[in-house]
Amino acid sequence: MPTIETTTQFEPRFNADGLITAVCVDAGDNTVLMVAHMNADALRLTRETGFAHFWSRSRKSLWKKGETSGHTLRLVDMLVDCDQDCVVLRVDAAGPACHTNARSCFYRRVTDDGLQPVAV
């Protein structure tokens, strides 16, 4: 049986593109709000400022969530998985997290009949 990783050093493992997956979860009710990617700068800025920053793969640029909309994500807590290749950001959201203006990007369920809306 594998042993549980017990290191106390935060040593994020970025992929070949220099990114780590970030899952954003509402700190109050644990709703999954969005998933994005962070490079080393985004991770550093998130920790330094207390607000979520990400790397846009499409725009190839760093961005602070809510910098234009005001829908920021204030960091409450950061968790890292056992392999240190994914983080969970527990956040307080100032408005919708999704660019569609939905509270969460995960507002549809996959069914045999296609996609169906869910309340979030």
PDB file of N, CA and C in Angstrom:
ATOM      1  N   MET A   1       0.850  -1.183   0.000  1.00  0.00           N
ATOM      2  CA  MET A   1       0.000   0.000   0.000  1.00  0.00           C
ATOM      3  C   MET A   1       0.893   1.243   0.000  1.00  0.00           C
ATOM      4  N   PRO A   2       0.602   2.223  -0.895  1.00  0.00           N
ATOM      5  CA  PRO A   2       1.422   3.440  -0.949  1.00  0.00           C
ATOM      6  C   PRO A   2       1.299   4.243   0.352  1.00  0.00           C
ATOM      7  N   THR A   3       2.359   4.936   0.663  1.00  0.00           N
ATOM      8  CA  THR A   3       2.325   5.790   1.843  1.00  0.00           C
ATOM      9  C   THR A   3       1.801   7.168   1.470  1.00  0.00           C
ATOM     10  N   ILE A   4       1.238   7.840   2.434  1.00  0.00           N
ATOM     11  CA  ILE A   4       0.722   9.193   2.219  1.00  0.00           C
ATOM     12  C   ILE A   4       1.893  10.167   2.165  1.00  0.00           C
ATOM     13  N   GLU A   5       1.872  11.028   1.166  1.00  0.00           N
ATOM     14  CA  GLU A   5       2.901  12.056   1.034  1.00  0.00           C
ATOM     15  C   GLU A   5       2.779  13.010   2.211  1.00  0.00           C
ATOM     16  N   THR A   6       3.883  13.265   2.894  1.00  0.00           N
ATOM     17  CA  THR A   6       3.826  14.092   4.105  1.00  0.00           C
ATOM     18  C   THR A   6       4.766  15.296   4.067  1.00  0.00           C
ATOM     19  N   THR A   7       5.314  15.611   2.906  1.00  0.00           N
ATOM     20  CA  THR A   7       6.226  16.750   2.837  1.00  0.00           C
ATOM     21  C   THR A   7       5.536  18.028   3.313  1.00  0.00           C
ATOM     22  N   THR A   8       6.304  18.925   3.885  1.00  0.00           N
ATOM     23  CA  THR A   8       5.763  20.207   4.341  1.00  0.00           C
ATOM     24  C   THR A   8       6.194  21.345   3.426  1.00  0.00           C
ATOM     25  N   GLN A   9       6.886  21.033   2.350  1.00  0.00           N
ATOM     26  CA  GLN A   9       7.356  22.040   1.396  1.00  0.00           C
ATOM     27  C   GLN A   9       6.374  22.162   0.235  1.00  0.00           C
ATOM     28  N   PHE A  10       5.999  23.401  -0.085  1.00  0.00           N
ATOM     29  CA  PHE A  10       5.148  23.631  -1.251  1.00  0.00           C
ATOM     30  C   PHE A  10       6.063  23.726  -2.459  1.00  0.00           C
ATOM     31  N   GLU A  11       5.999  22.711  -3.321  1.00  0.00           N
ATOM     32  CA  GLU A  11       6.821  22.636  -4.522  1.00  0.00           C
ATOM     33  C   GLU A  11       5.932  22.257  -5.697  1.00  0.00           C
ATOM     34  N   PRO A  12       5.163  23.233  -6.206  1.00  0.00           N
ATOM     35  CA  PRO A  12       4.210  22.926  -7.273  1.00  0.00           C
ATOM     36  C   PRO A  12       4.907  22.338  -8.500  1.00  0.00           C
ATOM     37  N   ARG A  13       4.247  21.348  -9.084  1.00  0.00           N
ATOM     38  CA  ARG A  13       4.774  20.673 -10.262  1.00  0.00           C
ATOM     39  C   ARG A  13       4.002  21.153 -11.485  1.00  0.00           C
ATOM     40  N   PHE A  14       4.606  22.053 -12.227  1.00  0.00           N
ATOM     41  CA  PHE A  14       3.994  22.610 -13.426  1.00  0.00           C
ATOM     42  C   PHE A  14       4.161  21.627 -14.579  1.00  0.00           C
ATOM     43  N   ASN A  15       3.200  21.642 -15.505  1.00  0.00           N
ATOM     44  CA  ASN A  15       3.288  20.741 -16.657  1.00  0.00           C
ATOM     45  C   ASN A  15       4.313  21.277 -17.664  1.00  0.00           C
ATOM     46  N   ALA A  16       4.423  20.623 -18.807  1.00  0.00           N
ATOM     47  CA  ALA A  16       5.413  20.997 -19.821  1.00  0.00           C
ATOM     48  C   ALA A  16       5.204  22.421 -20.338  1.00  0.00           C
ATOM     49  N   ASP A  17       3.973  22.928 -20.230  1.00  0.00           N
ATOM     50  CA  ASP A  17       3.678  24.300 -20.656  1.00  0.00           C
ATOM     51  C   ASP A  17       3.885  25.305 -19.526  1.00  0.00           C
ATOM     52  N   GLY A  18       4.351  24.819 -18.375  1.00  0.00           N
ATOM     53  CA  GLY A  18       4.588  25.707 -17.239  1.00  0.00           C
ATOM     54  C   GLY A  18       3.324  26.062 -16.481  1.00  0.00           C
ATOM     55  N   LEU A  19       2.302  25.192 -16.549  1.00  0.00           N
ATOM     56  CA  LEU A  19       1.011  25.481 -15.931  1.00  0.00           C
ATOM     57  C   LEU A  19       0.628  24.441 -14.896  1.00  0.00           C
ATOM     58  N   ILE A  20      -0.203  24.876 -13.967  1.00  0.00           N
ATOM     59  CA  ILE A  20      -0.796  24.009 -12.965  1.00  0.00           C
ATOM     60  C   ILE A  20      -2.301  24.273 -12.994  1.00  0.00           C
ATOM     61  N   THR A  21      -3.109  23.245 -12.828  1.00  0.00           N
ATOM     62  CA  THR A  21      -4.565  23.398 -12.823  1.00  0.00           C
ATOM     63  C   THR A  21      -5.014  23.984 -11.498  1.00  0.00           C
ATOM     64  N   ALA A  22      -5.961  24.915 -11.574  1.00  0.00           N
ATOM     65  CA  ALA A  22      -6.527  25.540 -10.376  1.00  0.00           C
ATOM     66  C   ALA A  22      -8.047  25.383 -10.404  1.00  0.00           C
ATOM     67  N   VAL A  23      -8.578  24.715  -9.395  1.00  0.00           N
ATOM     68  CA  VAL A  23     -10.018  24.543  -9.249  1.00  0.00           C
ATOM     69  C   VAL A  23     -10.482  25.549  -8.209  1.00  0.00           C
ATOM     70  N   CYS A  24     -11.429  26.404  -8.575  1.00  0.00           N
ATOM     71  CA  CYS A  24     -11.926  27.436  -7.664  1.00  0.00           C
ATOM     72  C   CYS A  24     -13.255  26.998  -7.071  1.00  0.00           C
ATOM     73  N   VAL A  25     -13.318  27.010  -5.741  1.00  0.00           N
ATOM     74  CA  VAL A  25     -14.466  26.517  -4.998  1.00  0.00           C
ATOM     75  C   VAL A  25     -14.943  27.608  -4.044  1.00  0.00           C
ATOM     76  N   ASP A  26     -16.261  27.797  -3.959  1.00  0.00           N
ATOM     77  CA  ASP A  26     -16.821  28.761  -3.024  1.00  0.00           C
ATOM     78  C   ASP A  26     -16.488  28.332  -1.595  1.00  0.00           C
ATOM     79  N   ALA A  27     -15.875  29.213  -0.837  1.00  0.00           N
ATOM     80  CA  ALA A  27     -15.457  28.885   0.531  1.00  0.00           C
ATOM     81  C   ALA A  27     -16.641  28.682   1.460  1.00  0.00           C
ATOM     82  N   GLY A  28     -17.792  29.224   1.117  1.00  0.00           N
ATOM     83  CA  GLY A  28     -18.958  29.099   1.974  1.00  0.00           C
ATOM     84  C   GLY A  28     -19.733  27.818   1.800  1.00  0.00           C
ATOM     85  N   ASP A  29     -19.993  27.427   0.545  1.00  0.00           N
ATOM     86  CA  ASP A  29     -20.855  26.250   0.325  1.00  0.00           C
ATOM     87  C   ASP A  29     -20.209  25.160  -0.538  1.00  0.00           C
ATOM     88  N   ASN A  30     -18.931  25.329  -0.873  1.00  0.00           N
ATOM     89  CA  ASN A  30     -18.158  24.337  -1.627  1.00  0.00           C
ATOM     90  C   ASN A  30     -18.614  24.114  -3.057  1.00  0.00           C
ATOM     91  N   THR A  31     -19.383  25.038  -3.636  1.00  0.00           N
ATOM     92  CA  THR A  31     -19.735  24.949  -5.044  1.00  0.00           C
ATOM     93  C   THR A  31     -18.483  25.128  -5.894  1.00  0.00           C
ATOM     94  N   VAL A  32     -18.284  24.231  -6.874  1.00  0.00           N
ATOM     95  CA  VAL A  32     -17.173  24.402  -7.807  1.00  0.00           C
ATOM     96  C   VAL A  32     -17.556  25.554  -8.740  1.00  0.00           C
ATOM     97  N   LEU A  33     -16.752  26.604  -8.732  1.00  0.00           N
ATOM     98  CA  LEU A  33     -17.065  27.805  -9.507  1.00  0.00           C
ATOM     99  C   LEU A  33     -16.435  27.792 -10.889  1.00  0.00           C
ATOM    100  N   MET A  34     -15.177  27.432 -10.965  1.00  0.00           N
ATOM    101  CA  MET A  34     -14.487  27.448 -12.252  1.00  0.00           C
ATOM    102  C   MET A  34     -13.177  26.684 -12.151  1.00  0.00           C
ATOM    103  N   VAL A  35     -12.610  26.365 -13.303  1.00  0.00           N
ATOM    104  CA  VAL A  35     -11.296  25.753 -13.398  1.00  0.00           C
ATOM    105  C   VAL A  35     -10.484  26.601 -14.361  1.00  0.00           C
ATOM    106  N   ALA A  36      -9.252  26.868 -13.976  1.00  0.00           N
ATOM    107  CA  ALA A  36      -8.370  27.663 -14.826  1.00  0.00           C
ATOM    108  C   ALA A  36      -6.950  27.132 -14.649  1.00  0.00           C
ATOM    109  N   HIS A  37      -6.008  27.826 -15.229  1.00  0.00           N
ATOM    110  CA  HIS A  37      -4.611  27.416 -15.139  1.00  0.00           C
ATOM    111  C   HIS A  37      -3.769  28.566 -14.602  1.00  0.00           C
ATOM    112  N   MET A  38      -2.722  28.209 -13.890  1.00  0.00           N
ATOM    113  CA  MET A  38      -1.815  29.207 -13.323  1.00  0.00           C
ATOM    114  C   MET A  38      -0.395  28.864 -13.756  1.00  0.00           C
ATOM    115  N   ASN A  39       0.365  29.910 -14.091  1.00  0.00           N
ATOM    116  CA  ASN A  39       1.800  29.722 -14.237  1.00  0.00           C
ATOM    117  C   ASN A  39       2.431  30.179 -12.924  1.00  0.00           C
ATOM    118  N   ALA A  40       3.745  30.174 -12.849  1.00  0.00           N
ATOM    119  CA  ALA A  40       4.416  30.535 -11.596  1.00  0.00           C
ATOM    120  C   ALA A  40       4.068  31.958 -11.170  1.00  0.00           C
ATOM    121  N   ASP A  41       3.982  32.895 -12.122  1.00  0.00           N
ATOM    122  CA  ASP A  41       3.644  34.285 -11.779  1.00  0.00           C
ATOM    123  C   ASP A  41       2.229  34.396 -11.232  1.00  0.00           C
ATOM    124  N   ALA A  42       1.282  33.698 -11.850  1.00  0.00           N
ATOM    125  CA  ALA A  42      -0.106  33.746 -11.383  1.00  0.00           C
ATOM    126  C   ALA A  42      -0.218  33.170  -9.976  1.00  0.00           C
ATOM    127  N   LEU A  43       0.472  32.083  -9.733  1.00  0.00           N
ATOM    128  CA  LEU A  43       0.462  31.467  -8.413  1.00  0.00           C
ATOM    129  C   LEU A  43       1.066  32.413  -7.372  1.00  0.00           C
ATOM    130  N   ARG A  44       2.187  33.020  -7.716  1.00  0.00           N
ATOM    131  CA  ARG A  44       2.844  33.969  -6.810  1.00  0.00           C
ATOM    132  C   ARG A  44       1.944  35.167  -6.523  1.00  0.00           C
ATOM    133  N   LEU A  45       1.355  35.753  -7.568  1.00  0.00           N
ATOM    134  CA  LEU A  45       0.485  36.922  -7.385  1.00  0.00           C
ATOM    135  C   LEU A  45      -0.751  36.586  -6.563  1.00  0.00           C
ATOM    136  N   THR A  46      -1.297  35.411  -6.774  1.00  0.00           N
ATOM    137  CA  THR A  46      -2.463  34.986  -5.989  1.00  0.00           C
ATOM    138  C   THR A  46      -2.095  34.931  -4.511  1.00  0.00           C
ATOM    139  N   ARG A  47      -0.963  34.345  -4.211  1.00  0.00           N
ATOM    140  CA  ARG A  47      -0.528  34.242  -2.811  1.00  0.00           C
ATOM    141  C   ARG A  47      -0.171  35.611  -2.231  1.00  0.00           C
ATOM    142  N   GLU A  48       0.452  36.468  -3.017  1.00  0.00           N
ATOM    143  CA  GLU A  48       0.880  37.779  -2.524  1.00  0.00           C
ATOM    144  C   GLU A  48      -0.280  38.751  -2.330  1.00  0.00           C
ATOM    145  N   THR A  49      -1.233  38.753  -3.269  1.00  0.00           N
ATOM    146  CA  THR A  49      -2.307  39.753  -3.245  1.00  0.00           C
ATOM    147  C   THR A  49      -3.564  39.273  -2.552  1.00  0.00           C
ATOM    148  N   GLY A  50      -3.746  37.942  -2.466  1.00  0.00           N
ATOM    149  CA  GLY A  50      -4.967  37.394  -1.900  1.00  0.00           C
ATOM    150  C   GLY A  50      -6.128  37.369  -2.879  1.00  0.00           C
ATOM    151  N   PHE A  51      -5.856  37.628  -4.161  1.00  0.00           N
ATOM    152  CA  PHE A  51      -6.876  37.565  -5.207  1.00  0.00           C
ATOM    153  C   PHE A  51      -6.388  36.654  -6.329  1.00  0.00           C
ATOM    154  N   ALA A  52      -7.304  35.863  -6.891  1.00  0.00           N
ATOM    155  CA  ALA A  52      -6.952  34.864  -7.893  1.00  0.00           C
ATOM    156  C   ALA A  52      -6.446  35.492  -9.179  1.00  0.00           C
ATOM    157  N   HIS A  53      -5.304  35.006  -9.619  1.00  0.00           N
ATOM    158  CA  HIS A  53      -4.699  35.362 -10.897  1.00  0.00           C
ATOM    159  C   HIS A  53      -4.511  34.070 -11.684  1.00  0.00           C
ATOM    160  N   PHE A  54      -4.604  34.160 -12.994  1.00  0.00           N
ATOM    161  CA  PHE A  54      -4.490  32.978 -13.834  1.00  0.00           C
ATOM    162  C   PHE A  54      -3.676  33.288 -15.075  1.00  0.00           C
ATOM    163  N   TRP A  55      -3.345  32.228 -15.807  1.00  0.00           N
ATOM    164  CA  TRP A  55      -2.698  32.359 -17.102  1.00  0.00           C
ATOM    165  C   TRP A  55      -3.727  31.992 -18.154  1.00  0.00           C
ATOM    166  N   SER A  56      -3.977  32.917 -19.067  1.00  0.00           N
ATOM    167  CA  SER A  56      -4.909  32.652 -20.160  1.00  0.00           C
ATOM    168  C   SER A  56      -4.163  31.934 -21.273  1.00  0.00           C
ATOM    169  N   ARG A  57      -4.560  30.689 -21.522  1.00  0.00           N
ATOM    170  CA  ARG A  57      -3.924  29.933 -22.594  1.00  0.00           C
ATOM    171  C   ARG A  57      -4.286  30.495 -23.956  1.00  0.00           C
ATOM    172  N   SER A  58      -5.505  31.038 -24.113  1.00  0.00           N
ATOM    173  CA  SER A  58      -5.919  31.577 -25.415  1.00  0.00           C
ATOM    174  C   SER A  58      -5.274  32.928 -25.699  1.00  0.00           C
ATOM    175  N   ARG A  59      -5.217  33.793 -24.684  1.00  0.00           N
ATOM    176  CA  ARG A  59      -4.611  35.122 -24.877  1.00  0.00           C
ATOM    177  C   ARG A  59      -3.110  35.124 -24.619  1.00  0.00           C
ATOM    178  N   LYS A  60      -2.623  34.029 -24.022  1.00  0.00           N
ATOM    179  CA  LYS A  60      -1.218  33.913 -23.660  1.00  0.00           C
ATOM    180  C   LYS A  60      -0.772  35.099 -22.802  1.00  0.00           C
ATOM    181  N   SER A  61      -1.575  35.340 -21.756  1.00  0.00           N
ATOM    182  CA  SER A  61      -1.249  36.451 -20.863  1.00  0.00           C
ATOM    183  C   SER A  61      -1.772  36.184 -19.460  1.00  0.00           C
ATOM    184  N   LEU A  62      -1.171  36.872 -18.521  1.00  0.00           N
ATOM    185  CA  LEU A  62      -1.553  36.808 -17.127  1.00  0.00           C
ATOM    186  C   LEU A  62      -2.793  37.671 -16.923  1.00  0.00           C
ATOM    187  N   TRP A  63      -3.724  37.223 -16.077  1.00  0.00           N
ATOM    188  CA  TRP A  63      -4.897  38.047 -15.796  1.00  0.00           C
ATOM    189  C   TRP A  63      -5.376  37.842 -14.372  1.00  0.00           C
ATOM    190  N   LYS A  64      -5.872  38.909 -13.793  1.00  0.00           N
ATOM    191  CA  LYS A  64      -6.492  38.850 -12.475  1.00  0.00           C
ATOM    192  C   LYS A  64      -7.980  38.646 -12.708  1.00  0.00           C
ATOM    193  N   LYS A  65      -8.547  37.613 -12.107  1.00  0.00           N
ATOM    194  CA  LYS A  65      -9.981  37.356 -12.262  1.00  0.00           C
ATOM    195  C   LYS A  65     -10.754  38.568 -11.772  1.00  0.00           C
ATOM    196  N   GLY A  66     -11.611  39.107 -12.628  1.00  0.00           N
ATOM    197  CA  GLY A  66     -12.442  40.249 -12.270  1.00  0.00           C
ATOM    198  C   GLY A  66     -11.815  41.600 -12.545  1.00  0.00           C
ATOM    199  N   GLU A  67     -10.661  41.628 -13.192  1.00  0.00           N
ATOM    200  CA  GLU A  67     -10.002  42.916 -13.414  1.00  0.00           C
ATOM    201  C   GLU A  67     -10.835  43.865 -14.273  1.00  0.00           C
ATOM    202  N   THR A  68     -11.683  43.345 -15.139  1.00  0.00           N
ATOM    203  CA  THR A  68     -12.555  44.228 -15.923  1.00  0.00           C
ATOM    204  C   THR A  68     -14.005  44.172 -15.450  1.00  0.00           C
ATOM    205  N   SER A  69     -14.460  43.003 -14.992  1.00  0.00           N
ATOM    206  CA  SER A  69     -15.864  42.846 -14.582  1.00  0.00           C
ATOM    207  C   SER A  69     -16.118  43.231 -13.130  1.00  0.00           C
ATOM    208  N   GLY A  70     -15.070  43.203 -12.315  1.00  0.00           N
ATOM    209  CA  GLY A  70     -15.247  43.414 -10.885  1.00  0.00           C
ATOM    210  C   GLY A  70     -15.593  42.140 -10.139  1.00  0.00           C
ATOM    211  N   HIS A  71     -15.732  41.022 -10.860  1.00  0.00           N
ATOM    212  CA  HIS A  71     -16.099  39.734 -10.264  1.00  0.00           C
ATOM    213  C   HIS A  71     -14.845  38.999  -9.786  1.00  0.00           C
ATOM    214  N   THR A  72     -14.209  39.566  -8.788  1.00  0.00           N
ATOM    215  CA  THR A  72     -12.965  39.009  -8.279  1.00  0.00           C
ATOM    216  C   THR A  72     -13.207  37.762  -7.438  1.00  0.00           C
ATOM    217  N   LEU A  73     -12.140  37.016  -7.243  1.00  0.00           N
ATOM    218  CA  LEU A  73     -12.146  35.856  -6.373  1.00  0.00           C
ATOM    219  C   LEU A  73     -11.106  36.105  -5.278  1.00  0.00           C
ATOM    220  N   ARG A  74     -11.578  36.378  -4.059  1.00  0.00           N
ATOM    221  CA  ARG A  74     -10.670  36.621  -2.939  1.00  0.00           C
ATOM    222  C   ARG A  74     -10.287  35.288  -2.320  1.00  0.00           C
ATOM    223  N   LEU A  75      -8.999  35.055  -2.212  1.00  0.00           N
ATOM    224  CA  LEU A  75      -8.492  33.790  -1.691  1.00  0.00           C
ATOM    225  C   LEU A  75      -8.746  33.669  -0.195  1.00  0.00           C
ATOM    226  N   VAL A  76      -9.366  32.561   0.194  1.00  0.00           N
ATOM    227  CA  VAL A  76      -9.590  32.235   1.600  1.00  0.00           C
ATOM    228  C   VAL A  76      -8.592  31.174   2.041  1.00  0.00           C
ATOM    229  N   ASP A  77      -8.351  30.202   1.172  1.00  0.00           N
ATOM    230  CA  ASP A  77      -7.478  29.086   1.508  1.00  0.00           C
ATOM    231  C   ASP A  77      -7.003  28.453   0.206  1.00  0.00           C
ATOM    232  N   MET A  78      -5.815  27.870   0.226  1.00  0.00           N
ATOM    233  CA  MET A  78      -5.304  27.164  -0.938  1.00  0.00           C
ATOM    234  C   MET A  78      -4.900  25.758  -0.502  1.00  0.00           C
ATOM    235  N   LEU A  79      -5.400  24.770  -1.233  1.00  0.00           N
ATOM    236  CA  LEU A  79      -5.054  23.373  -0.997  1.00  0.00           C
ATOM    237  C   LEU A  79      -4.273  22.863  -2.201  1.00  0.00           C
ATOM    238  N   VAL A  80      -3.391  21.906  -1.960  1.00  0.00           N
ATOM    239  CA  VAL A  80      -2.648  21.292  -3.056  1.00  0.00           C
ATOM    240  C   VAL A  80      -2.861  19.783  -2.983  1.00  0.00           C
ATOM    241  N   ASP A  81      -2.925  19.144  -4.150  1.00  0.00           N
ATOM    242  CA  ASP A  81      -3.123  17.697  -4.156  1.00  0.00           C
ATOM    243  C   ASP A  81      -1.824  16.967  -3.833  1.00  0.00           C
ATOM    244  N   CYS A  82      -1.915  15.659  -3.702  1.00  0.00           N
ATOM    245  CA  CYS A  82      -0.780  14.834  -3.268  1.00  0.00           C
ATOM    246  C   CYS A  82       0.428  14.940  -4.195  1.00  0.00           C
ATOM    247  N   ASP A  83       0.212  15.125  -5.486  1.00  0.00           N
ATOM    248  CA  ASP A  83       1.312  15.231  -6.451  1.00  0.00           C
ATOM    249  C   ASP A  83       1.784  16.672  -6.646  1.00  0.00           C
ATOM    250  N   GLN A  84       1.098  17.610  -6.029  1.00  0.00           N
ATOM    251  CA  GLN A  84       1.387  19.040  -6.144  1.00  0.00           C
ATOM    252  C   GLN A  84       1.320  19.522  -7.603  1.00  0.00           C
ATOM    253  N   ASP A  85       0.391  18.910  -8.380  1.00  0.00           N
ATOM    254  CA  ASP A  85       0.206  19.371  -9.757  1.00  0.00           C
ATOM    255  C   ASP A  85      -1.184  19.969  -9.982  1.00  0.00           C
ATOM    256  N   CYS A  86      -1.904  20.211  -8.899  1.00  0.00           N
ATOM    257  CA  CYS A  86      -3.225  20.839  -8.960  1.00  0.00           C
ATOM    258  C   CYS A  86      -3.489  21.522  -7.627  1.00  0.00           C
ATOM    259  N   VAL A  87      -4.089  22.715  -7.699  1.00  0.00           N
ATOM    260  CA  VAL A  87      -4.463  23.421  -6.475  1.00  0.00           C
ATOM    261  C   VAL A  87      -5.969  23.652  -6.461  1.00  0.00           C
ATOM    262  N   VAL A  88      -6.513  23.730  -5.259  1.00  0.00           N
ATOM    263  CA  VAL A  88      -7.890  24.139  -5.054  1.00  0.00           C
ATOM    264  C   VAL A  88      -7.831  25.482  -4.350  1.00  0.00           C
ATOM    265  N   LEU A  89      -8.454  26.474  -4.959  1.00  0.00           N
ATOM    266  CA  LEU A  89      -8.550  27.794  -4.351  1.00  0.00           C
ATOM    267  C   LEU A  89      -9.929  27.900  -3.721  1.00  0.00           C
ATOM    268  N   ARG A  90      -9.984  28.012  -2.405  1.00  0.00           N
ATOM    269  CA  ARG A  90     -11.245  28.268  -1.716  1.00  0.00           C
ATOM    270  C   ARG A  90     -11.370  29.784  -1.686  1.00  0.00           C
ATOM    271  N   VAL A  91     -12.458  30.306  -2.260  1.00  0.00           N
ATOM    272  CA  VAL A  91     -12.565  31.739  -2.509  1.00  0.00           C
ATOM    273  C   VAL A  91     -13.902  32.324  -2.061  1.00  0.00           C
ATOM    274  N   ASP A  92     -13.883  33.627  -1.859  1.00  0.00           N
ATOM    275  CA  ASP A  92     -15.100  34.421  -1.741  1.00  0.00           C
ATOM    276  C   ASP A  92     -15.258  35.133  -3.071  1.00  0.00           C
ATOM    277  N   ALA A  93     -16.344  34.848  -3.773  1.00  0.00           N
ATOM    278  CA  ALA A  93     -16.576  35.407  -5.107  1.00  0.00           C
ATOM    279  C   ALA A  93     -17.382  36.692  -5.012  1.00  0.00           C
ATOM    280  N   ALA A  94     -16.892  37.724  -5.682  1.00  0.00           N
ATOM    281  CA  ALA A  94     -17.615  38.991  -5.775  1.00  0.00           C
ATOM    282  C   ALA A  94     -18.388  38.997  -7.091  1.00  0.00           C
ATOM    283  N   GLY A  95     -19.447  38.214  -7.150  1.00  0.00           N
ATOM    284  CA  GLY A  95     -20.236  38.122  -8.372  1.00  0.00           C
ATOM    285  C   GLY A  95     -20.026  36.793  -9.059  1.00  0.00           C
ATOM    286  N   PRO A  96     -20.601  36.645 -10.252  1.00  0.00           N
ATOM    287  CA  PRO A  96     -20.509  35.388 -10.990  1.00  0.00           C
ATOM    288  C   PRO A  96     -19.065  35.046 -11.341  1.00  0.00           C
ATOM    289  N   ALA A  97     -18.730  33.772 -11.292  1.00  0.00           N
ATOM    290  CA  ALA A  97     -17.380  33.335 -11.649  1.00  0.00           C
ATOM    291  C   ALA A  97     -17.241  33.060 -13.141  1.00  0.00           C
ATOM    292  N   CYS A  98     -18.335  32.691 -13.797  1.00  0.00           N
ATOM    293  CA  CYS A  98     -18.289  32.302 -15.209  1.00  0.00           C
ATOM    294  C   CYS A  98     -18.381  33.522 -16.126  1.00  0.00           C
ATOM    295  N   HIS A  99     -17.673  33.457 -17.250  1.00  0.00           N
ATOM    296  CA  HIS A  99     -17.734  34.558 -18.222  1.00  0.00           C
ATOM    297  C   HIS A  99     -19.119  34.678 -18.864  1.00  0.00           C
ATOM    298  N   THR A 100     -19.979  33.658 -18.692  1.00  0.00           N
ATOM    299  CA  THR A 100     -21.351  33.719 -19.207  1.00  0.00           C
ATOM    300  C   THR A 100     -22.286  34.440 -18.238  1.00  0.00           C
ATOM    301  N   ASN A 101     -21.738  34.866 -17.103  1.00  0.00           N
ATOM    302  CA  ASN A 101     -22.470  35.521 -16.010  1.00  0.00           C
ATOM    303  C   ASN A 101     -23.219  34.526 -15.126  1.00  0.00           C
ATOM    304  N   ALA A 102     -22.955  33.239 -15.297  1.00  0.00           N
ATOM    305  CA  ALA A 102     -23.494  32.238 -14.376  1.00  0.00           C
ATOM    306  C   ALA A 102     -22.625  32.237 -13.123  1.00  0.00           C
ATOM    307  N   ARG A 103     -23.218  31.870 -12.007  1.00  0.00           N
ATOM    308  CA  ARG A 103     -22.453  31.818 -10.757  1.00  0.00           C
ATOM    309  C   ARG A 103     -21.258  30.877 -10.890  1.00  0.00           C
ATOM    310  N   SER A 104     -21.485  29.728 -11.532  1.00  0.00           N
ATOM    311  CA  SER A 104     -20.456  28.716 -11.720  1.00  0.00           C
ATOM    312  C   SER A 104     -20.368  28.366 -13.199  1.00  0.00           C
ATOM    313  N   CYS A 105     -19.191  27.988 -13.641  1.00  0.00           N
ATOM    314  CA  CYS A 105     -19.042  27.507 -15.020  1.00  0.00           C
ATOM    315  C   CYS A 105     -19.688  26.135 -15.204  1.00  0.00           C
ATOM    316  N   PHE A 106     -19.987  25.470 -14.098  1.00  0.00           N
ATOM    317  CA  PHE A 106     -20.543  24.116 -14.142  1.00  0.00           C
ATOM    318  C   PHE A 106     -22.048  24.158 -13.901  1.00  0.00           C
ATOM    319  N   TYR A 107     -22.775  24.704 -14.873  1.00  0.00           N
ATOM    320  CA  TYR A 107     -24.220  24.887 -14.736  1.00  0.00           C
ATOM    321  C   TYR A 107     -25.033  23.927 -15.605  1.00  0.00           C
ATOM    322  N   ARG A 108     -24.342  22.912 -16.196  1.00  0.00           N
ATOM    323  CA  ARG A 108     -25.048  21.924 -17.024  1.00  0.00           C
ATOM    324  C   ARG A 108     -24.600  20.521 -16.650  1.00  0.00           C
ATOM    325  N   ARG A 109     -25.552  19.616 -16.623  1.00  0.00           N
ATOM    326  CA  ARG A 109     -25.287  18.203 -16.337  1.00  0.00           C
ATOM    327  C   ARG A 109     -25.264  17.445 -17.665  1.00  0.00           C
ATOM    328  N   VAL A 110     -24.330  16.515 -17.794  1.00  0.00           N
ATOM    329  CA  VAL A 110     -24.252  15.658 -18.980  1.00  0.00           C
ATOM    330  C   VAL A 110     -25.168  14.463 -18.752  1.00  0.00           C
ATOM    331  N   THR A 111     -26.136  14.269 -19.646  1.00  0.00           N
ATOM    332  CA  THR A 111     -27.064  13.146 -19.555  1.00  0.00           C
ATOM    333  C   THR A 111     -27.054  12.385 -20.877  1.00  0.00           C
ATOM    334  N   ASP A 112     -27.747  11.267 -20.918  1.00  0.00           N
ATOM    335  CA  ASP A 112     -27.865  10.506 -22.155  1.00  0.00           C
ATOM    336  C   ASP A 112     -28.589  11.303 -23.235  1.00  0.00           C
ATOM    337  N   ASP A 113     -29.392  12.280 -22.827  1.00  0.00           N
ATOM    338  CA  ASP A 113     -30.154  13.105 -23.769  1.00  0.00           C
ATOM    339  C   ASP A 113     -29.457  14.416 -24.100  1.00  0.00           C
ATOM    340  N   GLY A 114     -28.269  14.602 -23.611  1.00  0.00           N
ATOM    341  CA  GLY A 114     -27.535  15.842 -23.871  1.00  0.00           C
ATOM    342  C   GLY A 114     -27.294  16.609 -22.582  1.00  0.00           C
ATOM    343  N   LEU A 115     -27.201  17.926 -22.691  1.00  0.00           N
ATOM    344  CA  LEU A 115     -26.928  18.772 -21.539  1.00  0.00           C
ATOM    345  C   LEU A 115     -28.209  19.305 -20.937  1.00  0.00           C
ATOM    346  N   GLN A 116     -28.285  19.279 -19.611  1.00  0.00           N
ATOM    347  CA  GLN A 116     -29.451  19.812 -18.913  1.00  0.00           C
ATOM    348  C   GLN A 116     -28.977  20.798 -17.859  1.00  0.00           C
ATOM    349  N   PRO A 117     -29.653  21.946 -17.730  1.00  0.00           N
ATOM    350  CA  PRO A 117     -29.251  22.933 -16.738  1.00  0.00           C
ATOM    351  C   PRO A 117     -29.412  22.412 -15.315  1.00  0.00           C
ATOM    352  N   VAL A 118     -28.530  22.861 -14.441  1.00  0.00           N
ATOM    353  CA  VAL A 118     -28.636  22.561 -13.003  1.00  0.00           C
ATOM    354  C   VAL A 118     -28.600  23.886 -12.250  1.00  0.00           C
ATOM    355  N   ALA A 119     -29.218  23.898 -11.094  1.00  0.00           N
ATOM    356  CA  ALA A 119     -29.214  25.099 -10.257  1.00  0.00           C
ATOM    357  C   ALA A 119     -27.878  25.164  -9.515  1.00  0.00           C
ATOM    358  N   VAL A 120     -27.228  26.309  -9.612  1.00  0.00           N
ATOM    359  CA  VAL A 120     -25.991  26.526  -8.856  1.00  0.00           C
ATOM    360  C   VAL A 120     -26.050  27.838  -8.114  1.00  0.00           C
TER     361      VAL A 120
END
